[in-house]
Amino acid sequence: MPTVLSGRALAVAATATALLATALATQTAGAATTATTTATGTDKVLVIGLDGVVLDRVKAANAPHLKGLMAQGLTAKSTLYANPMAATSSGPGWSTIATGVWPDKHGVKDNSFTGKNYTAYPDFLTRAENAKPSLNTYAAADWEPITSTDAGGPIFSAKVDKRLSLKGDRDGYGTEDPKIATAAAAELQGQNPDAAFVYFGQVDGAGHSYGAASQQYLDAIGRVDALVGQLLTAVQNRPTYAQENWKILVTTDHGHTDAGGHGGSTIQERGTFVIAKGAGIPAGSVRDDVKLVDVAATALAQVGVNPGSAIDGVPVNAPDDNDPFDTVRPNLQARVDETGIPAGVKGFTHTPPAGWSVDNSKMGTGGVTEWAGWAFATDEFWSQSQRDQWRELNVRSRDVFSVADSDEWDDKTHTGTFDSTLITPKWAVTGASTKKLTFQTHYRHEAGQSAQVLVSYNGGAPAVVKTYTADAIAKAESLTLQVPAGATDVQVRFRYSGNNNWFWTVDDVRLG
């Protein structure tokens, strides 16, 4: 049975002991997971969570340690969901980071934690413990739900070998953050954690009190950056550091508006990032296809745990370079008819990837230029065309995806109706066999729409293999194709027709 220990029992250094006299910690009993257990390998991971941090403000702040990690590794901007999937709040955000799945799976939609499903989708430290009980795991935070049963938690379960929980303040000065840093640094340097999560909350407090555009917000980032440096120094001062392979990840749970606040659907509130440094990650690299769910996947891969399809994330050092839609990023343009998208955002094109085509022979004329037939767009661009109509829920598409949006197209005078078909290249197949057609899809339905997947073999007439008659929200689709005898190639079509309301996105189309 887990034993509840005082903060004093968790501290290693004498100074840390004094600071942590009021802390709560839990430690799972068992000789295989004591603090002095020798690691079974040299691969280790540290995830640092910074609450409510805006990446552009990090770049503007006095933050040499965070900027150093960016220069030495990967920087990736990303965007979150919004309601009704979940609010851009800490409960859903840290649950997504910890579990590696989106809120439609882990169940946390707001800070009430009502509906949480950590049993089916546990945090990455718990997954590591379940797969490899010999691993030493550690979590420290001063927002209680992360490591304590208070306020709906804990996000990180009692299976984690050591959990430190302090009651954090939200005044923007973060008096508890230094205590977390001191204790975590002592653990990282003097003990033997294989996987660790450390959280700092004061930047979020500054955002709420002063706004993300304020000097106080920048100052809070600077103070937290110093604490990040304290953790990095502790790792580097480990006696066995030269024989170890560390991966460091830094991330945030949501953004902030310039005036302060989050929870809504603006791109500022939905803004997040992942910074990662370690083997297999090119220095100074910038990516557009990384999501928050990838933090857990990366941490698990680093300690040799492969959850497979049980989570939504993929390791950042194993990028997928096979999605053809992402190749059109150099062709992306700024807005033409849309007015809600900032003029500087380049995020759409009608130029398909090599080998793909769009048949607009049945399309009406006129309408909003950006959405005149199937287009290729980014979330930052498309979701800002009209907020709060579920575009923000397209979380399983990455980087550039294809989109047919009759709702937005209809917002400008046109003749005829929306009727456009996206066509794949011809792919080689063997007759009298089966193939799996997989893709990510996000479809919002209304009567009068038609959304169909059709296939043709050897240039024959296309046949319908899937018709959508109800919403398919942020779904991973898998269709079994029965390849007829004598077939040598197959071609897939995605046909969407309708007027006002709503849309269909398709991404990462593969024939397996």
Protein backbone atom coordinates (compact mmCIF):
# COMPACT_ATOMS: atom_id res chain seq x y z
CA MET A 1 0.00 0.00 0.00
CA PRO A 2 1.27 3.53 -0.69
CA THR A 3 2.63 5.32 2.35
CA VAL A 4 1.96 9.03 2.95
CA LEU A 5 5.18 10.83 3.81
CA SER A 6 5.82 14.37 4.98
CA GLY A 7 7.60 16.91 2.77
CA ARG A 8 10.63 16.43 5.03
CA ALA A 9 10.90 12.78 4.03
CA LEU A 10 11.00 13.69 0.37
CA ALA A 11 13.70 16.32 0.56
CA VAL A 12 17.28 15.26 0.04
CA ALA A 13 19.21 18.43 0.78
CA ALA A 14 18.88 20.09 4.16
CA THR A 15 17.75 23.36 2.61
CA ALA A 16 15.06 21.58 0.65
CA THR A 17 13.90 19.88 3.85
CA ALA A 18 13.20 23.18 5.55
CA LEU A 19 11.27 24.50 2.58
CA LEU A 20 9.07 21.45 2.22
CA ALA A 21 7.91 21.02 5.81
CA THR A 22 4.28 21.53 4.80
CA ALA A 23 4.33 19.50 1.58
CA LEU A 24 2.41 16.34 0.88
CA ALA A 25 4.16 13.45 -0.86
CA THR A 26 3.33 9.89 -1.62
CA GLN A 27 5.66 7.02 -2.27
CA THR A 28 4.81 3.56 -3.48
CA ALA A 29 6.38 0.87 -1.36
CA GLY A 30 8.56 -1.80 -2.94
CA ALA A 31 12.27 -2.38 -3.12
CA ALA A 32 12.27 -2.20 -6.91
CA THR A 33 11.17 1.43 -6.86
CA THR A 34 13.05 3.02 -3.98
CA ALA A 35 14.97 6.25 -4.54
CA THR A 36 18.31 4.45 -4.41
CA THR A 37 17.48 1.84 -7.03
CA THR A 38 20.01 1.80 -9.85
CA ALA A 39 18.40 2.65 -13.21
CA THR A 40 18.08 -0.26 -15.59
CA GLY A 41 19.25 1.90 -18.48
CA THR A 42 20.73 5.27 -19.31
CA ASP A 43 17.68 6.79 -20.99
CA LYS A 44 15.91 9.36 -18.82
CA VAL A 45 13.33 12.08 -19.34
CA LEU A 46 12.33 15.32 -17.61
CA VAL A 47 9.09 17.09 -18.55
CA ILE A 48 8.76 20.67 -17.30
CA GLY A 49 5.25 22.12 -17.29
CA LEU A 50 4.83 25.90 -17.33
CA ASP A 51 1.25 26.99 -16.76
CA GLY A 52 -0.30 29.53 -19.13
CA VAL A 53 2.84 30.51 -21.04
CA VAL A 54 2.69 32.18 -24.46
CA LEU A 55 5.63 31.18 -26.68
CA ASP A 56 5.97 34.59 -28.34
CA ARG A 57 6.29 36.17 -24.90
CA VAL A 58 9.03 33.68 -24.00
CA LYS A 59 10.91 34.96 -27.04
CA ALA A 60 10.45 38.54 -25.79
CA ALA A 61 11.41 37.79 -22.18
CA ASN A 62 14.74 37.50 -20.42
CA ALA A 63 14.68 33.70 -20.61
CA PRO A 64 18.17 32.41 -21.47
CA HIS A 65 17.53 28.82 -20.36
CA LEU A 66 14.34 28.35 -22.35
CA LYS A 67 15.88 30.05 -25.36
CA GLY A 68 18.92 27.83 -24.95
CA LEU A 69 16.74 24.72 -25.10
CA MET A 70 15.09 26.11 -28.24
CA ALA A 71 18.48 26.70 -29.84
CA GLN A 72 19.71 23.23 -28.89
CA GLY A 73 16.55 21.36 -29.86
CA LEU A 74 13.01 21.62 -31.22
CA THR A 75 10.44 24.40 -30.97
CA ALA A 76 6.88 23.64 -32.04
CA LYS A 77 3.81 25.86 -31.80
CA SER A 78 0.48 24.12 -31.55
CA THR A 79 -3.20 24.87 -30.96
CA LEU A 80 -5.76 23.39 -28.61
CA TYR A 81 -9.40 22.41 -28.86
CA ALA A 82 -12.18 24.62 -27.53
CA ASN A 83 -15.67 23.94 -26.21
CA PRO A 84 -17.66 21.74 -26.52
CA MET A 85 -14.69 19.33 -26.51
CA ALA A 86 -13.10 21.14 -23.57
CA ALA A 87 -12.32 24.59 -22.28
CA THR A 88 -8.84 26.03 -22.70
CA SER A 89 -8.26 25.55 -18.97
CA SER A 90 -5.64 23.82 -16.86
CA GLY A 91 -7.61 20.68 -16.04
CA PRO A 92 -8.06 19.62 -19.67
CA GLY A 93 -4.66 20.96 -20.67
CA TRP A 94 -2.54 19.10 -18.13
CA SER A 95 -4.71 16.00 -18.54
CA THR A 96 -3.98 16.05 -22.27
CA ILE A 97 -0.25 16.51 -21.68
CA ALA A 98 -0.06 13.82 -19.01
CA THR A 99 -2.22 11.16 -20.67
CA GLY A 100 -1.25 11.67 -24.31
CA VAL A 101 -4.90 11.62 -25.42
CA TRP A 102 -7.40 14.36 -26.25
CA PRO A 103 -10.28 15.36 -23.97
CA ASP A 104 -12.79 13.24 -25.89
CA LYS A 105 -10.92 10.28 -24.36
CA HIS A 106 -9.57 11.40 -20.97
CA GLY A 107 -12.91 13.04 -20.22
CA VAL A 108 -11.72 16.24 -18.49
CA LYS A 109 -13.58 19.20 -19.99
CA ASP A 110 -12.91 21.87 -17.36
CA ASN A 111 -11.40 22.37 -13.93
CA SER A 112 -14.21 20.49 -12.21
CA PHE A 113 -12.67 17.22 -13.52
CA THR A 114 -16.18 15.83 -13.91
CA GLY A 115 -16.06 12.83 -16.24
CA LYS A 116 -12.34 12.16 -15.85
CA ASN A 117 -11.29 8.74 -17.13
CA TYR A 118 -7.74 8.29 -15.88
CA THR A 119 -8.38 4.60 -15.32
CA ALA A 120 -8.57 3.97 -19.05
CA TYR A 121 -6.10 6.73 -19.93
CA PRO A 122 -3.53 7.09 -17.15
CA ASP A 123 -0.72 9.64 -17.01
CA PHE A 124 2.59 8.78 -18.67
CA LEU A 125 4.39 8.17 -15.37
CA THR A 126 1.74 5.63 -14.38
CA ARG A 127 1.96 3.98 -17.81
CA ALA A 128 5.73 3.76 -17.32
CA GLU A 129 5.25 2.17 -13.89
CA ASN A 130 2.71 -0.31 -15.23
CA ALA A 131 4.99 -1.37 -18.08
CA LYS A 132 8.29 -1.27 -16.18
CA PRO A 133 7.83 -1.29 -12.38
CA SER A 134 11.60 -0.96 -11.91
CA LEU A 135 11.53 2.59 -13.30
CA ASN A 136 11.75 5.41 -10.79
CA THR A 137 9.13 8.08 -11.33
CA TYR A 138 8.69 11.53 -9.81
CA ALA A 139 6.14 14.37 -10.05
CA ALA A 140 6.14 17.74 -8.30
CA ALA A 141 3.64 20.57 -8.63
CA ASP A 142 2.09 23.50 -6.82
CA TRP A 143 -1.29 23.19 -8.49
CA GLU A 144 -2.98 20.60 -6.32
CA PRO A 145 -4.95 18.57 -8.91
CA ILE A 146 -1.73 17.54 -10.64
CA THR A 147 -0.33 15.53 -7.76
CA SER A 148 -2.94 15.69 -4.99
CA THR A 149 -6.48 14.39 -4.52
CA ASP A 150 -7.64 17.96 -3.87
CA ALA A 151 -9.88 19.71 -6.41
CA GLY A 152 -10.58 16.72 -8.60
CA GLY A 153 -7.11 15.25 -9.03
CA PRO A 154 -4.70 13.73 -9.06
CA ILE A 155 -3.73 13.76 -12.72
CA PHE A 156 -0.57 11.82 -11.81
CA SER A 157 -1.73 8.77 -9.90
CA ALA A 158 -0.57 7.17 -6.67
CA LYS A 159 1.40 4.64 -8.72
CA VAL A 160 4.04 7.33 -9.24
CA ASP A 161 6.90 6.56 -6.86
CA LYS A 162 7.18 10.09 -5.44
CA ARG A 163 4.67 12.89 -5.70
CA LEU A 164 5.20 16.31 -4.16
CA SER A 165 2.19 18.62 -3.87
CA LEU A 166 2.23 22.19 -2.61
CA LYS A 167 -0.71 24.57 -2.46
CA GLY A 168 0.30 27.17 -5.02
CA ASP A 169 -0.57 30.84 -5.08
CA ARG A 170 -1.91 32.70 -8.10
CA ASP A 171 -0.69 36.21 -7.31
CA GLY A 172 1.77 36.31 -10.19
CA TYR A 173 4.82 36.07 -7.93
CA GLY A 174 4.89 32.32 -7.47
CA THR A 175 6.21 31.98 -3.93
CA GLU A 176 5.69 28.21 -4.08
CA ASP A 177 7.51 27.68 -7.39
CA PRO A 178 11.01 28.09 -5.87
CA LYS A 179 10.16 25.44 -3.26
CA ILE A 180 9.15 23.05 -6.02
CA ALA A 181 12.35 23.85 -7.92
CA THR A 182 14.56 23.28 -4.89
CA ALA A 183 12.99 19.94 -4.04
CA ALA A 184 12.92 18.75 -7.64
CA ALA A 185 16.53 19.79 -8.22
CA ALA A 186 17.58 17.82 -5.17
CA GLU A 187 15.70 14.79 -6.46
CA LEU A 188 17.09 15.09 -9.98
CA GLN A 189 20.68 15.53 -8.88
CA GLY A 190 20.91 13.37 -5.78
CA GLN A 191 18.48 10.56 -6.46
CA ASN A 192 17.80 8.43 -9.51
CA PRO A 193 14.55 9.32 -11.32
CA ASP A 194 14.09 7.80 -14.76
CA ALA A 195 11.04 9.88 -15.64
CA ALA A 196 10.02 13.12 -13.95
CA PHE A 197 7.41 15.84 -14.28
CA VAL A 198 7.89 19.25 -12.63
CA TYR A 199 5.32 22.04 -12.76
CA PHE A 200 5.59 25.81 -12.21
CA GLY A 201 2.45 27.95 -12.02
CA GLN A 202 3.35 31.59 -11.50
CA VAL A 203 3.25 32.74 -15.15
CA ASP A 204 -0.43 31.83 -15.31
CA GLY A 205 -0.97 33.91 -12.19
CA ALA A 206 0.72 36.90 -13.82
CA GLY A 207 -1.42 36.40 -16.91
CA HIS A 208 -4.62 36.51 -14.88
CA SER A 209 -3.51 39.50 -12.82
CA TYR A 210 -1.83 41.63 -15.46
CA GLY A 211 -2.38 40.11 -18.91
CA ALA A 212 0.03 38.41 -21.30
CA ALA A 213 1.02 41.73 -22.87
CA SER A 214 2.28 43.13 -19.55
CA GLN A 215 5.79 43.57 -18.21
CA GLN A 216 4.75 41.62 -15.13
CA TYR A 217 4.03 38.62 -17.36
CA LEU A 218 7.49 38.91 -18.91
CA ASP A 219 9.02 39.20 -15.44
CA ALA A 220 7.23 36.02 -14.35
CA ILE A 221 8.62 34.18 -17.37
CA GLY A 222 12.08 35.41 -16.39
CA ARG A 223 11.69 34.11 -12.83
CA VAL A 224 10.44 30.73 -14.05
CA ASP A 225 13.26 30.56 -16.57
CA ALA A 226 15.72 30.77 -13.67
CA LEU A 227 13.94 27.84 -12.01
CA VAL A 228 14.13 25.88 -15.26
CA GLY A 229 17.85 26.59 -15.24
CA GLN A 230 18.04 25.24 -11.70
CA LEU A 231 16.54 21.94 -12.87
CA LEU A 232 18.82 21.74 -15.92
CA THR A 233 21.87 22.36 -13.73
CA ALA A 234 20.76 19.64 -11.33
CA VAL A 235 20.52 17.15 -14.20
CA GLN A 236 23.92 18.14 -15.56
CA ASN A 237 25.50 17.83 -12.10
CA ARG A 238 24.41 14.24 -11.65
CA PRO A 239 27.44 12.03 -10.89
CA THR A 240 26.42 9.67 -13.71
CA TYR A 241 25.31 12.33 -16.20
CA ALA A 242 28.03 11.48 -18.71
CA GLN A 243 26.70 7.94 -18.99
CA GLU A 244 23.07 9.01 -19.32
CA ASN A 245 20.87 10.02 -22.24
CA TRP A 246 18.44 12.71 -21.12
CA LYS A 247 15.51 14.09 -23.04
CA ILE A 248 14.15 17.43 -21.78
CA LEU A 249 10.67 18.64 -22.73
CA VAL A 250 9.03 21.95 -21.82
CA THR A 251 5.36 22.60 -22.50
CA THR A 252 2.29 24.57 -21.45
CA ASP A 253 -1.38 23.78 -20.93
CA HIS A 254 -3.00 26.80 -22.62
CA GLY A 255 -2.32 30.37 -23.65
CA HIS A 256 -3.53 33.77 -22.44
CA THR A 257 -5.12 36.82 -23.97
CA ASP A 258 -3.18 40.07 -24.00
CA ALA A 259 -5.60 41.45 -21.42
CA GLY A 260 -5.39 38.26 -19.35
CA GLY A 261 -7.53 35.17 -19.16
CA HIS A 262 -8.21 31.90 -20.94
CA GLY A 263 -10.88 29.25 -21.29
CA GLY A 264 -12.35 30.49 -24.56
CA SER A 265 -11.75 29.82 -28.24
CA THR A 266 -9.46 32.63 -29.40
CA ILE A 267 -6.21 31.59 -31.00
CA GLN A 268 -4.37 33.30 -28.12
CA GLU A 269 -6.12 31.14 -25.53
CA ARG A 270 -5.67 28.01 -27.65
CA GLY A 271 -1.96 28.62 -28.22
CA THR A 272 0.49 26.08 -26.78
CA PHE A 273 3.99 24.83 -27.55
CA VAL A 274 6.45 22.00 -27.08
CA ILE A 275 10.18 22.55 -26.67
CA ALA A 276 12.31 19.39 -26.76
CA LYS A 277 16.00 18.65 -26.53
CA GLY A 278 17.73 15.29 -26.77
CA ALA A 279 19.06 12.57 -29.03
CA GLY A 280 17.37 12.46 -32.42
CA ILE A 281 16.14 16.06 -32.23
CA PRO A 282 17.99 18.49 -34.55
CA ALA A 283 19.29 21.65 -32.92
CA GLY A 284 17.37 24.78 -33.79
CA SER A 285 14.59 22.85 -35.53
CA VAL A 286 11.06 24.22 -35.89
CA ARG A 287 8.06 21.98 -36.53
CA ASP A 288 4.41 22.56 -37.41
CA ASP A 289 3.10 19.03 -36.85
CA VAL A 290 3.67 18.56 -33.10
CA LYS A 291 0.73 18.40 -30.68
CA LEU A 292 0.42 18.43 -26.88
CA VAL A 293 -0.41 14.71 -26.87
CA ASP A 294 3.11 14.08 -28.21
CA VAL A 295 4.69 15.01 -24.87
CA ALA A 296 3.53 11.81 -23.18
CA ALA A 297 4.41 9.73 -26.24
CA THR A 298 7.92 11.18 -26.30
CA ALA A 299 8.48 10.65 -22.58
CA LEU A 300 7.31 7.04 -22.78
CA ALA A 301 9.45 6.29 -25.83
CA GLN A 302 12.47 7.70 -24.02
CA VAL A 303 12.13 5.12 -21.22
CA GLY A 304 11.38 2.26 -23.60
CA VAL A 305 7.60 2.09 -23.24
CA ASN A 306 5.48 1.82 -26.38
CA PRO A 307 1.76 2.37 -25.73
CA GLY A 308 0.93 2.01 -29.43
CA SER A 309 -2.56 3.11 -30.39
CA ALA A 310 -3.59 3.45 -26.73
CA ILE A 311 -2.63 7.13 -26.92
CA ASP A 312 -3.06 9.81 -29.57
CA GLY A 313 0.49 11.13 -29.47
CA VAL A 314 3.65 10.20 -31.35
CA PRO A 315 7.25 10.77 -30.22
CA VAL A 316 8.68 14.07 -31.45
CA ASN A 317 11.92 12.41 -32.51
CA ALA A 318 10.01 10.08 -34.84
CA PRO A 319 8.23 12.56 -37.13
CA ASP A 320 5.90 11.37 -39.86
CA ASP A 321 7.18 12.68 -43.19
CA ASN A 322 4.66 10.79 -45.32
CA ASP A 323 1.60 13.07 -45.23
CA PRO A 324 1.42 14.65 -48.70
CA PHE A 325 -0.75 17.57 -47.56
CA ASP A 326 2.11 18.89 -45.45
CA THR A 327 4.23 19.32 -48.60
CA VAL A 328 2.03 22.21 -49.77
CA ARG A 329 3.04 24.44 -46.83
CA PRO A 330 5.35 26.56 -49.06
CA ASN A 331 2.29 27.36 -51.22
CA LEU A 332 0.13 28.67 -48.38
CA GLN A 333 -1.39 32.12 -48.91
CA ALA A 334 -2.86 34.89 -46.80
CA ARG A 335 -6.57 35.63 -46.66
CA VAL A 336 -8.50 36.89 -49.68
CA ASP A 337 -12.17 37.26 -48.73
CA GLU A 338 -12.06 36.23 -45.08
CA THR A 339 -11.97 39.10 -42.59
CA GLY A 340 -11.59 37.36 -39.21
CA ILE A 341 -8.19 35.86 -40.00
CA PRO A 342 -5.20 38.15 -39.35
CA ALA A 343 -3.74 39.44 -42.60
CA GLY A 344 -0.27 38.08 -41.80
CA VAL A 345 -1.37 34.45 -41.39
CA LYS A 346 -0.53 32.34 -44.43
CA GLY A 347 -2.69 29.27 -44.15
CA PHE A 348 -4.55 28.14 -47.28
CA THR A 349 -3.99 27.07 -50.88
CA HIS A 350 -5.95 25.42 -53.66
CA THR A 351 -2.79 23.82 -55.06
CA PRO A 352 -2.96 20.07 -54.29
CA PRO A 353 0.04 17.88 -53.47
CA ALA A 354 1.85 16.13 -56.31
CA GLY A 355 -0.31 13.35 -57.76
CA TRP A 356 -3.51 14.64 -56.11
CA SER A 357 -6.25 16.64 -57.80
CA VAL A 358 -9.52 18.44 -57.08
CA ASP A 359 -12.53 18.10 -59.38
CA ASN A 360 -14.60 21.30 -59.22
CA SER A 361 -16.59 20.64 -62.38
CA LYS A 362 -19.82 20.60 -60.35
CA MET A 363 -18.91 23.57 -58.10
CA GLY A 364 -20.98 26.72 -58.10
CA THR A 365 -19.26 29.98 -58.95
CA GLY A 366 -18.41 32.84 -56.66
CA GLY A 367 -18.56 32.37 -52.91
CA VAL A 368 -15.70 32.95 -50.48
CA THR A 369 -12.46 32.44 -52.43
CA GLU A 370 -10.61 30.54 -49.71
CA TRP A 371 -13.22 27.76 -49.64
CA ALA A 372 -14.23 27.49 -53.31
CA GLY A 373 -13.90 23.69 -53.44
CA TRP A 374 -11.51 21.50 -51.48
CA ALA A 375 -8.69 23.60 -50.06
CA PHE A 376 -5.56 22.81 -48.05
CA ALA A 377 -5.24 24.75 -44.82
CA THR A 378 -3.79 24.97 -41.32
CA ASP A 379 -5.74 25.03 -38.07
CA GLU A 380 -4.49 28.52 -37.24
CA PHE A 381 -6.03 29.75 -40.50
CA TRP A 382 -9.19 27.66 -40.87
CA SER A 383 -10.39 27.76 -37.26
CA GLN A 384 -10.20 31.55 -37.24
CA SER A 385 -12.50 31.83 -40.26
CA GLN A 386 -15.41 31.45 -37.84
CA ARG A 387 -15.04 30.59 -34.17
CA ASP A 388 -17.26 28.38 -32.01
CA GLN A 389 -18.68 26.23 -34.79
CA TRP A 390 -16.56 23.17 -33.90
CA ARG A 391 -13.68 23.93 -36.26
CA GLU A 392 -11.49 24.06 -33.15
CA LEU A 393 -12.29 20.38 -32.49
CA ASN A 394 -10.20 19.18 -35.45
CA VAL A 395 -7.43 18.10 -33.08
CA ARG A 396 -6.33 14.92 -34.86
CA SER A 397 -5.31 16.69 -38.04
CA ARG A 398 -1.72 17.87 -38.08
CA ASP A 399 0.03 20.68 -39.93
CA VAL A 400 -1.75 21.09 -43.30
CA PHE A 401 -5.00 19.20 -43.97
CA SER A 402 -7.66 19.22 -46.67
CA VAL A 403 -10.94 20.97 -45.97
CA ALA A 404 -14.27 21.41 -47.73
CA ASP A 405 -16.25 24.15 -45.98
CA SER A 406 -19.62 24.92 -47.56
CA ASP A 407 -20.60 27.01 -44.53
CA GLU A 408 -17.86 29.58 -45.05
CA TRP A 409 -18.06 29.42 -48.86
CA ASP A 410 -21.72 30.39 -48.61
CA ASP A 411 -20.90 33.67 -46.85
CA LYS A 412 -20.38 35.50 -50.16
CA THR A 413 -22.71 35.75 -53.14
CA HIS A 414 -22.55 32.71 -55.42
CA THR A 415 -24.45 30.73 -57.98
CA GLY A 416 -25.04 26.99 -57.71
CA THR A 417 -24.07 24.80 -54.78
CA PHE A 418 -20.90 23.50 -53.19
CA ASP A 419 -19.88 20.21 -54.86
CA SER A 420 -16.19 19.33 -54.91
CA THR A 421 -14.22 16.08 -55.06
CA LEU A 422 -10.72 15.46 -53.71
CA ILE A 423 -8.91 12.73 -55.68
CA THR A 424 -5.87 10.70 -54.60
CA PRO A 425 -3.14 9.39 -56.89
CA LYS A 426 -3.51 5.87 -58.26
CA TRP A 427 -2.00 3.40 -55.82
CA ALA A 428 -0.79 -0.06 -56.80
CA VAL A 429 -2.78 -2.99 -55.41
CA THR A 430 -2.93 -6.75 -55.87
CA GLY A 431 -6.20 -8.24 -57.06
CA ALA A 432 -8.31 -10.49 -54.84
CA SER A 433 -6.92 -8.97 -51.63
CA THR A 434 -7.93 -6.52 -48.93
CA LYS A 435 -6.46 -3.12 -48.16
CA LYS A 436 -6.97 -0.74 -45.25
CA LEU A 437 -7.77 2.85 -46.15
CA THR A 438 -7.06 5.08 -43.15
CA PHE A 439 -7.38 8.81 -42.63
CA GLN A 440 -8.16 11.41 -40.00
CA THR A 441 -11.53 13.06 -40.47
CA HIS A 442 -13.56 15.83 -38.88
CA TYR A 443 -17.08 16.09 -40.24
CA ARG A 444 -20.02 18.16 -39.02
CA HIS A 445 -23.31 17.11 -40.57
CA GLU A 446 -26.56 18.82 -41.44
CA ALA A 447 -29.48 17.65 -43.55
CA GLY A 448 -28.93 18.33 -47.22
CA GLN A 449 -25.20 17.64 -47.12
CA SER A 450 -23.52 14.70 -48.76
CA ALA A 451 -20.10 13.35 -47.80
CA GLN A 452 -18.90 10.20 -49.53
CA VAL A 453 -15.74 8.15 -49.92
CA LEU A 454 -15.57 6.43 -53.30
CA VAL A 455 -13.02 4.04 -54.82
CA SER A 456 -12.31 2.95 -58.37
CA TYR A 457 -10.08 0.17 -59.67
CA ASN A 458 -8.14 0.26 -62.93
CA GLY A 459 -9.87 3.50 -63.91
CA GLY A 460 -13.38 2.07 -63.56
CA ALA A 461 -16.50 3.79 -62.28
CA PRO A 462 -16.13 5.04 -58.67
CA ALA A 463 -18.17 3.11 -56.10
CA VAL A 464 -19.26 4.46 -52.72
CA VAL A 465 -17.59 2.71 -49.76
CA LYS A 466 -18.58 5.17 -47.02
CA THR A 467 -21.35 7.75 -46.62
CA TYR A 468 -21.45 10.07 -43.61
CA THR A 469 -24.96 10.71 -42.30
CA ALA A 470 -24.02 12.02 -38.84
CA ASP A 471 -21.22 13.96 -37.19
CA ALA A 472 -17.79 12.31 -37.19
CA ILE A 473 -15.84 14.61 -34.89
CA ALA A 474 -12.03 14.37 -34.86
CA LYS A 475 -12.13 10.70 -35.78
CA ALA A 476 -9.51 8.22 -36.96
CA GLU A 477 -11.22 6.40 -39.82
CA SER A 478 -10.35 2.92 -41.10
CA LEU A 479 -12.12 1.35 -44.08
CA THR A 480 -11.49 -2.14 -45.42
CA LEU A 481 -11.36 -2.25 -49.21
CA GLN A 482 -12.12 -5.49 -51.02
CA VAL A 483 -9.80 -5.40 -54.03
CA PRO A 484 -11.39 -7.29 -56.94
CA ALA A 485 -9.53 -9.94 -58.90
CA GLY A 486 -7.47 -8.48 -61.69
CA ALA A 487 -7.16 -5.02 -60.15
CA THR A 488 -3.72 -3.42 -60.32
CA ASP A 489 -4.47 0.09 -59.03
CA VAL A 490 -6.98 1.92 -56.86
CA GLN A 491 -7.96 5.59 -56.68
CA VAL A 492 -9.92 7.17 -53.84
CA ARG A 493 -12.30 10.14 -54.03
CA PHE A 494 -13.71 12.31 -51.24
CA ARG A 495 -16.84 14.05 -52.50
CA TYR A 496 -18.59 16.72 -50.46
CA SER A 497 -21.67 18.67 -51.48
CA GLY A 498 -23.97 21.08 -49.67
CA ASN A 499 -24.86 24.71 -49.08
CA ASN A 500 -24.70 26.58 -45.79
CA ASN A 501 -23.59 24.36 -42.84
CA TRP A 502 -21.14 22.65 -42.38
CA PHE A 503 -17.72 21.18 -43.31
CA TRP A 504 -15.48 18.14 -43.81
CA THR A 505 -11.74 17.78 -43.25
CA VAL A 506 -9.51 14.90 -44.27
CA ASP A 507 -5.86 14.35 -43.35
CA ASP A 508 -3.12 11.72 -43.37
CA VAL A 509 -4.73 9.50 -46.03
CA ARG A 510 -2.98 6.14 -46.30
CA LEU A 511 -3.50 2.84 -48.06
CA GLY A 512 -2.03 0.15 -45.81
